[in-house]
C-alpha atoms as a PDB file:
ATOM      1  CA  UNK A   1    -139.729-108.217 -87.088  1.00  0.00           C
ATOM      2  CA  UNK A   2    -140.532-106.267 -83.798  1.00  0.00           C
ATOM      3  CA  UNK A   3    -143.884-105.309 -82.412  1.00  0.00           C
ATOM      4  CA  UNK A   4    -143.639-102.039 -80.673  1.00  0.00           C
ATOM      5  CA  UNK A   5    -145.921 -99.955 -78.357  1.00  0.00           C
ATOM      6  CA  UNK A   6    -147.215 -96.527 -78.410  1.00  0.00           C
ATOM      7  CA  UNK A   7    -149.860 -96.878 -75.701  1.00  0.00           C
ATOM      8  CA  UNK A   8    -150.171 -94.372 -72.676  1.00  0.00           C
ATOM      9  CA  UNK A   9    -148.133 -96.573 -70.363  1.00  0.00           C
ATOM     10  CA  UNK A  10    -144.931 -95.934 -72.373  1.00  0.00           C
ATOM     11  CA  UNK A  11    -145.465 -92.236 -72.953  1.00  0.00           C
ATOM     12  CA  UNK A  12    -144.623 -89.230 -70.953  1.00  0.00           C
ATOM     13  CA  UNK A  13    -147.019 -86.731 -69.357  1.00  0.00           C
ATOM     14  CA  UNK A  14    -146.829 -83.178 -70.859  1.00  0.00           C
ATOM     15  CA  UNK A  15    -147.859 -80.187 -68.713  1.00  0.00           C
ATOM     16  CA  UNK A  16    -146.067 -77.374 -70.644  1.00  0.00           C
ATOM     17  CA  UNK A  17    -148.315 -74.501 -71.724  1.00  0.00           C
ATOM     18  CA  UNK A  18    -151.053 -75.439 -69.215  1.00  0.00           C
ATOM     19  CA  UNK A  19    -151.616 -78.842 -71.039  1.00  0.00           C
ATOM     20  CA  UNK A  20    -153.421 -81.510 -68.946  1.00  0.00           C
ATOM     21  CA  UNK A  21    -154.438 -85.128 -69.431  1.00  0.00           C
ATOM     22  CA  UNK A  22    -151.733 -85.105 -72.395  1.00  0.00           C
ATOM     23  CA  UNK A  23    -149.280 -88.040 -72.894  1.00  0.00           C
ATOM     24  CA  UNK A  24    -147.073 -88.236 -75.749  1.00  0.00           C
ATOM     25  CA  UNK A  25    -145.394 -91.498 -76.940  1.00  0.00           C
ATOM     26  CA  UNK A  26    -142.536 -91.402 -79.179  1.00  0.00           C
ATOM     27  CA  UNK A  27    -142.911 -93.089 -82.576  1.00  0.00           C
ATOM     28  CA  UNK A  28    -139.807 -91.948 -84.576  1.00  0.00           C
ATOM     29  CA  UNK A  29    -137.443 -89.076 -84.856  1.00  0.00           C
ATOM     30  CA  UNK A  30    -135.182 -88.655 -87.929  1.00  0.00           C
ATOM     31  CA  UNK A  31    -132.173 -86.546 -88.865  1.00  0.00           C
ATOM     32  CA  UNK A  32    -130.353 -84.784 -90.624  1.00  0.00           C
ATOM     33  CA  UNK A  33    -133.590 -83.018 -91.716  1.00  0.00           C
ATOM     34  CA  UNK A  34    -135.751 -82.805 -88.689  1.00  0.00           C
ATOM     35  CA  UNK A  35    -138.962 -85.145 -88.515  1.00  0.00           C
ATOM     36  CA  UNK A  36    -140.648 -86.266 -85.456  1.00  0.00           C
ATOM     37  CA  UNK A  37    -143.628 -88.301 -85.073  1.00  0.00           C
ATOM     38  CA  UNK A  38    -145.413 -88.914 -81.804  1.00  0.00           C
ATOM     39  CA  UNK A  39    -148.741 -90.724 -80.747  1.00  0.00           C
ATOM     40  CA  UNK A  40    -150.684 -88.227 -78.685  1.00  0.00           C
ATOM     41  CA  UNK A  41    -153.092 -89.328 -75.994  1.00  0.00           C
ATOM     42  CA  UNK A  42    -155.630 -86.816 -74.699  1.00  0.00           C
ATOM     43  CA  UNK A  43    -157.778 -88.029 -71.711  1.00  0.00           C
ATOM     44  CA  UNK A  44    -161.118 -86.735 -70.498  1.00  0.00           C
ATOM     45  CA  UNK A  45    -161.043 -82.919 -70.664  1.00  0.00           C
ATOM     46  CA  UNK A  46    -157.474 -83.098 -72.112  1.00  0.00           C
ATOM     47  CA  UNK A  47    -155.643 -80.188 -73.390  1.00  0.00           C
ATOM     48  CA  UNK A  48    -152.625 -79.512 -75.533  1.00  0.00           C
ATOM     49  CA  UNK A  49    -152.085 -75.874 -74.268  1.00  0.00           C
ATOM     50  CA  UNK A  50    -151.947 -72.759 -76.307  1.00  0.00           C
ATOM     51  CA  UNK A  51    -148.452 -72.536 -77.864  1.00  0.00           C
ATOM     52  CA  UNK A  52    -146.498 -71.745 -80.938  1.00  0.00           C
ATOM     53  CA  UNK A  53    -145.669 -74.306 -83.578  1.00  0.00           C
ATOM     54  CA  UNK A  54    -141.776 -74.599 -83.490  1.00  0.00           C
ATOM     55  CA  UNK A  55    -142.043 -76.066 -87.021  1.00  0.00           C
ATOM     56  CA  UNK A  56    -144.869 -77.129 -89.497  1.00  0.00           C
ATOM     57  CA  UNK A  57    -147.123 -79.669 -87.620  1.00  0.00           C
ATOM     58  CA  UNK A  58    -149.834 -82.124 -88.670  1.00  0.00           C
ATOM     59  CA  UNK A  59    -152.193 -83.607 -86.084  1.00  0.00           C
ATOM     60  CA  UNK A  60    -154.176 -86.479 -87.472  1.00  0.00           C
ATOM     61  CA  UNK A  61    -157.008 -87.677 -85.259  1.00  0.00           C
ATOM     62  CA  UNK A  62    -157.148 -91.398 -85.154  1.00  0.00           C
ATOM     63  CA  UNK A  63    -159.705 -91.919 -82.396  1.00  0.00           C
ATOM     64  CA  UNK A  64    -162.306 -89.785 -80.505  1.00  0.00           C
ATOM     65  CA  UNK A  65    -163.114 -86.082 -81.201  1.00  0.00           C
ATOM     66  CA  UNK A  66    -162.357 -82.756 -79.752  1.00  0.00           C
ATOM     67  CA  UNK A  67    -161.544 -79.163 -80.936  1.00  0.00           C
ATOM     68  CA  UNK A  68    -158.717 -77.118 -82.167  1.00  0.00           C
ATOM     69  CA  UNK A  69    -158.015 -73.475 -82.219  1.00  0.00           C
ATOM     70  CA  UNK A  70    -155.614 -71.278 -84.240  1.00  0.00           C
ATOM     71  CA  UNK A  71    -154.574 -67.959 -82.916  1.00  0.00           C
ATOM     72  CA  UNK A  72    -157.434 -66.182 -81.250  1.00  0.00           C
ATOM     73  CA  UNK A  73    -159.982 -67.912 -83.537  1.00  0.00           C
ATOM     74  CA  UNK A  74    -162.980 -69.896 -82.538  1.00  0.00           C
ATOM     75  CA  UNK A  75    -162.803 -73.632 -81.434  1.00  0.00           C
ATOM     76  CA  UNK A  76    -163.384 -75.910 -84.432  1.00  0.00           C
ATOM     77  CA  UNK A  77    -164.497 -79.389 -84.110  1.00  0.00           C
ATOM     78  CA  UNK A  78    -162.288 -82.337 -85.176  1.00  0.00           C
ATOM     79  CA  UNK A  79    -162.786 -86.121 -85.102  1.00  0.00           C
ATOM     80  CA  UNK A  80    -161.286 -89.376 -86.162  1.00  0.00           C
ATOM     81  CA  UNK A  81    -160.237 -89.404 -89.887  1.00  0.00           C
ATOM     82  CA  UNK A  82    -159.532 -85.626 -89.937  1.00  0.00           C
ATOM     83  CA  UNK A  83    -156.154 -83.724 -89.469  1.00  0.00           C
ATOM     84  CA  UNK A  84    -155.192 -80.215 -88.789  1.00  0.00           C
ATOM     85  CA  UNK A  85    -151.928 -78.461 -90.179  1.00  0.00           C
ATOM     86  CA  UNK A  86    -150.334 -75.647 -88.425  1.00  0.00           C
ATOM     87  CA  UNK A  87    -147.546 -73.501 -89.968  1.00  0.00           C
ATOM     88  CA  UNK A  88    -144.338 -72.686 -88.264  1.00  0.00           C
ATOM     89  CA  UNK A  89    -144.986 -69.931 -85.748  1.00  0.00           C
ATOM     90  CA  UNK A  90    -148.707 -70.356 -85.677  1.00  0.00           C
ATOM     91  CA  UNK A  91    -150.188 -70.191 -82.081  1.00  0.00           C
ATOM     92  CA  UNK A  92    -152.744 -72.956 -81.536  1.00  0.00           C
ATOM     93  CA  UNK A  93    -154.189 -75.403 -78.996  1.00  0.00           C
ATOM     94  CA  UNK A  94    -156.129 -78.702 -78.993  1.00  0.00           C
ATOM     95  CA  UNK A  95    -158.697 -80.013 -76.521  1.00  0.00           C
ATOM     96  CA  UNK A  96    -161.376 -82.734 -75.888  1.00  0.00           C
ATOM     97  CA  UNK A  97    -164.137 -83.376 -73.596  1.00  0.00           C
ATOM     98  CA  UNK A  98    -164.408 -87.245 -74.019  1.00  0.00           C
ATOM     99  CA  UNK A  99    -160.725 -88.142 -75.147  1.00  0.00           C
ATOM    100  CA  UNK A 100    -158.855 -88.065 -78.328  1.00  0.00           C
ATOM    101  CA  UNK A 101    -155.844 -90.000 -79.780  1.00  0.00           C
ATOM    102  CA  UNK A 102    -153.836 -88.529 -82.599  1.00  0.00           C
ATOM    103  CA  UNK A 103    -150.636 -88.803 -84.639  1.00  0.00           C
ATOM    104  CA  UNK A 104    -148.474 -85.618 -84.290  1.00  0.00           C
ATOM    105  CA  UNK A 105    -146.051 -85.127 -87.221  1.00  0.00           C
ATOM    106  CA  UNK A 106    -143.499 -82.330 -87.074  1.00  0.00           C
ATOM    107  CA  UNK A 107    -140.957 -81.556 -89.767  1.00  0.00           C
ATOM    108  CA  UNK A 108    -138.835 -78.943 -91.190  1.00  0.00           C
ATOM    109  CA  UNK A 109    -140.869 -79.295 -94.309  1.00  0.00           C
ATOM    110  CA  UNK A 110    -144.500 -80.849 -94.604  1.00  0.00           C
ATOM    111  CA  UNK A 111    -146.187 -80.892 -97.931  1.00  0.00           C
ATOM    112  CA  UNK A 112    -149.987 -81.048 -97.211  1.00  0.00           C
ATOM    113  CA  UNK A 113    -151.059 -79.393-100.471  1.00  0.00           C
ATOM    114  CA  UNK A 114    -152.793 -82.468-101.923  1.00  0.00           C
ATOM    115  CA  UNK A 115    -154.801 -83.230 -98.870  1.00  0.00           C
ATOM    116  CA  UNK A 116    -158.577 -82.463 -99.244  1.00  0.00           C
ATOM    117  CA  UNK A 117    -160.014 -80.047 -96.713  1.00  0.00           C
ATOM    118  CA  UNK A 118    -163.216 -80.644 -94.565  1.00  0.00           C
ATOM    119  CA  UNK A 119    -166.091 -78.851 -96.012  1.00  0.00           C
END
């Protein structure tokens, strides 16, 4: 057995796309089919800047709350226990006023068809 860490101190700061207060800790990466999972830490007034999804992505909020935006759409609130799915090529961003922690799952193919949507 190994106990491993994903806290902010083992992550790396991301500033691409105008991001700020954004640290990502690697969880796992698998091949030959691409799968990557990271643990995202967004601090106070944190932002994952506006960018295009390189592949299908699922952001699963595990702590805190914030907002997400797709394309030029409005900012929609998200909180712990909710997730957001973006298709490959979709422009999007994520932000928070008070802080947010999330799992980021990226893969060549993600099947989210059975997940219930927020009403």
